[in-house]
C-alpha cells in the first residue's frame, strides 16, 4: 500500500450482513460504536449492513423482496387502482 494516500482513520472493519450473518473484514473509514472479535482473535469495529454480495439478488441469482416500509403493498394498491 502506498504511504500517505489513505485517511488517518483508515483501518480494518468487520462488515456484517444482517440478512444472512455473513461477515467480511476489509479496510475502511466507516465509523462504528460496536466492536466484534474476528477469527484471528482481534477486536475490530463492526458495521452492520442490510445487503451485501452474499445476499443481493444480482450476485446470488435468487429473487427476494426486501420491504421495510410497505412500498411493495403501496405499489400493488396503485397498480390495482389503475387497472380498474
N, C-alpha and C. Protein backbone atom coordinates (compact mmCIF):
# COMPACT_ATOMS: atom_id res chain seq x y z
N UNK A 1 0.84 -1.17 0.00
CA UNK A 1 0.00 0.00 0.00
C UNK A 1 0.89 1.24 0.00
N UNK A 2 0.52 2.22 -0.82
CA UNK A 2 1.31 3.45 -0.89
C UNK A 2 1.17 4.24 0.41
N UNK A 3 2.21 4.91 0.78
CA UNK A 3 2.21 5.72 2.00
C UNK A 3 1.47 7.04 1.76
N UNK A 4 0.83 7.52 2.81
CA UNK A 4 0.20 8.84 2.85
C UNK A 4 -0.89 9.08 1.82
N UNK A 5 -1.57 8.03 1.36
CA UNK A 5 -2.70 8.27 0.45
C UNK A 5 -4.04 7.95 1.11
N UNK A 6 -4.01 7.28 2.25
CA UNK A 6 -5.25 6.94 2.95
C UNK A 6 -5.50 7.91 4.11
N UNK A 7 -6.77 8.13 4.45
CA UNK A 7 -7.10 8.98 5.61
C UNK A 7 -6.53 8.40 6.90
N UNK A 8 -6.44 9.23 7.91
CA UNK A 8 -5.89 8.78 9.20
C UNK A 8 -6.74 7.70 9.87
N UNK A 9 -8.06 7.71 9.63
CA UNK A 9 -8.93 6.74 10.30
C UNK A 9 -9.15 5.48 9.45
N UNK A 10 -8.31 5.23 8.47
CA UNK A 10 -8.38 4.02 7.65
C UNK A 10 -7.86 2.85 8.46
N UNK A 11 -8.70 1.83 8.64
CA UNK A 11 -8.33 0.66 9.42
C UNK A 11 -9.20 -0.51 9.00
N UNK A 12 -8.93 -1.69 9.55
CA UNK A 12 -9.74 -2.87 9.24
C UNK A 12 -11.06 -2.79 9.99
N UNK A 13 -12.15 -3.12 9.29
CA UNK A 13 -13.50 -3.07 9.84
C UNK A 13 -14.23 -4.35 9.45
N UNK A 14 -15.03 -4.89 10.37
CA UNK A 14 -15.87 -6.04 10.07
C UNK A 14 -17.22 -5.51 9.58
N UNK A 15 -17.64 -5.96 8.39
CA UNK A 15 -18.97 -5.66 7.88
C UNK A 15 -19.80 -6.93 8.00
N UNK A 16 -20.96 -6.83 8.67
CA UNK A 16 -21.83 -7.99 8.86
C UNK A 16 -23.13 -7.77 8.11
N UNK A 17 -23.47 -8.72 7.25
CA UNK A 17 -24.74 -8.70 6.53
C UNK A 17 -25.80 -9.25 7.48
N UNK A 18 -26.73 -8.39 7.91
CA UNK A 18 -27.72 -8.80 8.92
C UNK A 18 -28.76 -9.75 8.35
N UNK A 19 -28.89 -9.84 7.02
CA UNK A 19 -29.90 -10.73 6.44
C UNK A 19 -29.45 -12.19 6.43
N UNK A 20 -28.13 -12.43 6.43
CA UNK A 20 -27.68 -13.82 6.43
C UNK A 20 -26.52 -14.11 7.39
N UNK A 21 -26.03 -13.09 8.09
CA UNK A 21 -24.99 -13.29 9.09
C UNK A 21 -23.57 -13.38 8.55
N UNK A 22 -23.39 -13.25 7.24
CA UNK A 22 -22.06 -13.31 6.65
C UNK A 22 -21.24 -12.10 7.08
N UNK A 23 -19.94 -12.30 7.31
CA UNK A 23 -19.05 -11.23 7.76
C UNK A 23 -17.85 -11.10 6.84
N UNK A 24 -17.38 -9.84 6.67
CA UNK A 24 -16.21 -9.53 5.85
C UNK A 24 -15.29 -8.64 6.66
N UNK A 25 -14.00 -8.85 6.58
CA UNK A 25 -13.01 -7.98 7.22
C UNK A 25 -12.26 -7.27 6.11
N UNK A 26 -12.48 -5.95 5.99
CA UNK A 26 -11.85 -5.17 4.94
C UNK A 26 -11.42 -3.82 5.48
N UNK A 27 -10.55 -3.15 4.78
CA UNK A 27 -10.11 -1.82 5.16
C UNK A 27 -11.20 -0.79 4.85
N UNK A 28 -11.44 0.13 5.78
CA UNK A 28 -12.50 1.12 5.60
C UNK A 28 -12.30 2.30 6.54
N UNK A 29 -13.00 3.39 6.25
CA UNK A 29 -13.04 4.54 7.15
C UNK A 29 -14.41 4.65 7.81
N UNK A 30 -15.28 3.64 7.64
CA UNK A 30 -16.63 3.67 8.22
C UNK A 30 -16.54 3.75 9.74
N UNK A 31 -17.38 4.61 10.31
CA UNK A 31 -17.42 4.79 11.76
C UNK A 31 -18.39 3.80 12.38
N UNK A 32 -18.08 3.32 13.57
CA UNK A 32 -18.94 2.39 14.27
C UNK A 32 -18.69 2.46 15.77
N UNK A 33 -19.74 2.33 16.55
CA UNK A 33 -19.64 2.30 18.01
C UNK A 33 -19.42 0.86 18.50
N UNK A 34 -19.85 -0.12 17.70
CA UNK A 34 -19.75 -1.52 18.10
C UNK A 34 -18.41 -2.12 17.69
N UNK A 35 -18.00 -3.14 18.42
CA UNK A 35 -16.82 -3.92 18.04
C UNK A 35 -17.18 -5.39 18.09
N UNK A 36 -16.40 -6.19 17.40
CA UNK A 36 -16.61 -7.64 17.40
C UNK A 36 -15.27 -8.32 17.23
N UNK A 37 -15.21 -9.57 17.64
CA UNK A 37 -13.98 -10.35 17.55
C UNK A 37 -13.97 -11.10 16.22
N UNK A 38 -12.86 -11.03 15.51
CA UNK A 38 -12.68 -11.72 14.23
C UNK A 38 -12.03 -13.07 14.48
N UNK A 39 -11.92 -13.89 13.46
CA UNK A 39 -11.37 -15.24 13.62
C UNK A 39 -9.90 -15.26 14.04
N UNK A 40 -9.19 -14.14 13.84
CA UNK A 40 -7.79 -14.08 14.26
C UNK A 40 -7.65 -13.74 15.75
N UNK A 41 -8.79 -13.54 16.44
CA UNK A 41 -8.77 -13.25 17.87
C UNK A 41 -8.73 -11.77 18.21
N UNK A 42 -8.57 -10.89 17.22
CA UNK A 42 -8.51 -9.45 17.45
C UNK A 42 -9.90 -8.82 17.38
N UNK A 43 -10.07 -7.70 18.07
CA UNK A 43 -11.32 -6.94 18.04
C UNK A 43 -11.22 -5.85 16.99
N UNK A 44 -12.29 -5.70 16.20
CA UNK A 44 -12.36 -4.68 15.15
C UNK A 44 -13.70 -3.97 15.25
N UNK A 45 -13.80 -2.75 14.70
CA UNK A 45 -15.11 -2.08 14.63
C UNK A 45 -16.07 -2.92 13.79
N UNK A 46 -17.37 -2.91 14.15
CA UNK A 46 -18.38 -3.71 13.46
C UNK A 46 -19.41 -2.78 12.83
N UNK A 47 -19.60 -2.90 11.52
CA UNK A 47 -20.64 -2.15 10.80
C UNK A 47 -21.65 -3.16 10.26
N UNK A 48 -22.92 -2.97 10.60
CA UNK A 48 -23.97 -3.86 10.13
C UNK A 48 -24.61 -3.27 8.88
N UNK A 49 -24.75 -4.12 7.85
CA UNK A 49 -25.34 -3.70 6.59
C UNK A 49 -26.51 -4.63 6.25
N UNK A 50 -27.46 -4.12 5.46
CA UNK A 50 -28.64 -4.91 5.12
C UNK A 50 -28.42 -5.83 3.93
N UNK A 51 -27.61 -5.39 2.97
CA UNK A 51 -27.39 -6.18 1.76
C UNK A 51 -25.91 -6.18 1.41
N UNK A 52 -25.39 -7.35 1.08
CA UNK A 52 -24.01 -7.47 0.61
C UNK A 52 -24.00 -8.38 -0.61
N UNK A 53 -22.83 -8.68 -1.11
CA UNK A 53 -22.73 -9.55 -2.29
C UNK A 53 -23.21 -10.97 -2.00
N UNK A 54 -23.26 -11.36 -0.72
CA UNK A 54 -23.74 -12.70 -0.38
C UNK A 54 -25.25 -12.78 -0.26
N UNK A 55 -25.94 -11.63 -0.26
CA UNK A 55 -27.40 -11.67 -0.15
C UNK A 55 -28.11 -10.90 -1.26
N UNK A 56 -27.38 -10.13 -2.06
CA UNK A 56 -28.01 -9.34 -3.13
C UNK A 56 -28.45 -10.26 -4.27
N UNK A 57 -29.69 -10.10 -4.74
CA UNK A 57 -30.19 -10.98 -5.80
C UNK A 57 -29.34 -11.00 -7.08
N UNK A 58 -28.70 -9.90 -7.42
CA UNK A 58 -27.87 -9.86 -8.61
C UNK A 58 -26.72 -10.87 -8.51
N UNK A 59 -26.12 -10.98 -7.33
CA UNK A 59 -24.98 -11.88 -7.15
C UNK A 59 -25.40 -13.31 -6.84
N UNK A 60 -26.53 -13.48 -6.13
CA UNK A 60 -26.94 -14.82 -5.73
C UNK A 60 -27.81 -15.51 -6.76
N UNK A 61 -28.46 -14.74 -7.63
CA UNK A 61 -29.35 -15.32 -8.63
C UNK A 61 -30.71 -15.70 -8.08
N UNK A 62 -31.00 -15.30 -6.86
CA UNK A 62 -32.29 -15.60 -6.25
C UNK A 62 -33.15 -14.35 -6.22
N UNK A 63 -34.46 -14.54 -6.26
CA UNK A 63 -35.39 -13.43 -6.21
C UNK A 63 -35.86 -13.27 -4.78
N UNK A 64 -35.78 -12.05 -4.27
CA UNK A 64 -36.17 -11.80 -2.88
C UNK A 64 -36.69 -10.38 -2.77
N UNK A 65 -37.76 -10.21 -2.01
CA UNK A 65 -38.34 -8.90 -1.81
C UNK A 65 -37.89 -8.37 -0.46
N UNK A 66 -37.28 -7.19 -0.46
CA UNK A 66 -36.87 -6.53 0.77
C UNK A 66 -37.74 -5.30 0.91
N UNK A 67 -38.63 -5.32 1.88
CA UNK A 67 -39.59 -4.24 2.03
C UNK A 67 -39.70 -3.89 3.50
N UNK A 68 -39.11 -2.76 3.88
CA UNK A 68 -39.16 -2.37 5.28
C UNK A 68 -40.15 -1.24 5.52
N UNK A 69 -40.70 -0.66 4.46
CA UNK A 69 -41.58 0.49 4.64
C UNK A 69 -42.94 0.30 3.98
N UNK A 70 -43.28 -0.92 3.54
CA UNK A 70 -44.57 -1.16 2.91
C UNK A 70 -44.66 -0.65 1.49
N UNK A 71 -43.55 -0.43 0.84
CA UNK A 71 -43.55 0.14 -0.51
C UNK A 71 -44.15 -0.82 -1.53
N UNK A 72 -43.93 -2.11 -1.36
CA UNK A 72 -44.48 -3.08 -2.30
C UNK A 72 -45.99 -3.08 -2.25
N UNK A 73 -46.56 -3.06 -1.06
CA UNK A 73 -48.01 -3.04 -0.92
C UNK A 73 -48.61 -1.76 -1.51
N UNK A 74 -47.94 -0.63 -1.30
CA UNK A 74 -48.42 0.63 -1.87
C UNK A 74 -48.40 0.57 -3.39
N UNK A 75 -47.34 0.01 -3.96
CA UNK A 75 -47.23 -0.11 -5.41
C UNK A 75 -48.33 -1.01 -5.95
N UNK A 76 -48.56 -2.15 -5.31
CA UNK A 76 -49.60 -3.08 -5.76
C UNK A 76 -50.98 -2.44 -5.67
N UNK A 77 -51.22 -1.64 -4.63
CA UNK A 77 -52.51 -0.96 -4.49
C UNK A 77 -52.70 0.07 -5.62
N UNK A 78 -51.65 0.81 -5.96
CA UNK A 78 -51.72 1.77 -7.07
C UNK A 78 -51.97 1.07 -8.39
N UNK A 79 -51.31 -0.08 -8.60
CA UNK A 79 -51.50 -0.83 -9.83
C UNK A 79 -52.93 -1.36 -9.94
N UNK A 80 -53.46 -1.87 -8.83
CA UNK A 80 -54.83 -2.39 -8.83
C UNK A 80 -55.82 -1.26 -9.11
N UNK A 81 -55.60 -0.10 -8.53
CA UNK A 81 -56.47 1.04 -8.73
C UNK A 81 -56.41 1.53 -10.18
N UNK A 82 -55.22 1.55 -10.75
CA UNK A 82 -55.04 1.99 -12.13
C UNK A 82 -55.63 0.98 -13.12
N UNK A 83 -55.70 -0.27 -12.75
CA UNK A 83 -56.23 -1.31 -13.62
C UNK A 83 -57.74 -1.32 -13.73
N UNK A 84 -58.44 -0.61 -12.88
CA UNK A 84 -59.91 -0.60 -12.87
C UNK A 84 -60.47 0.21 -13.99
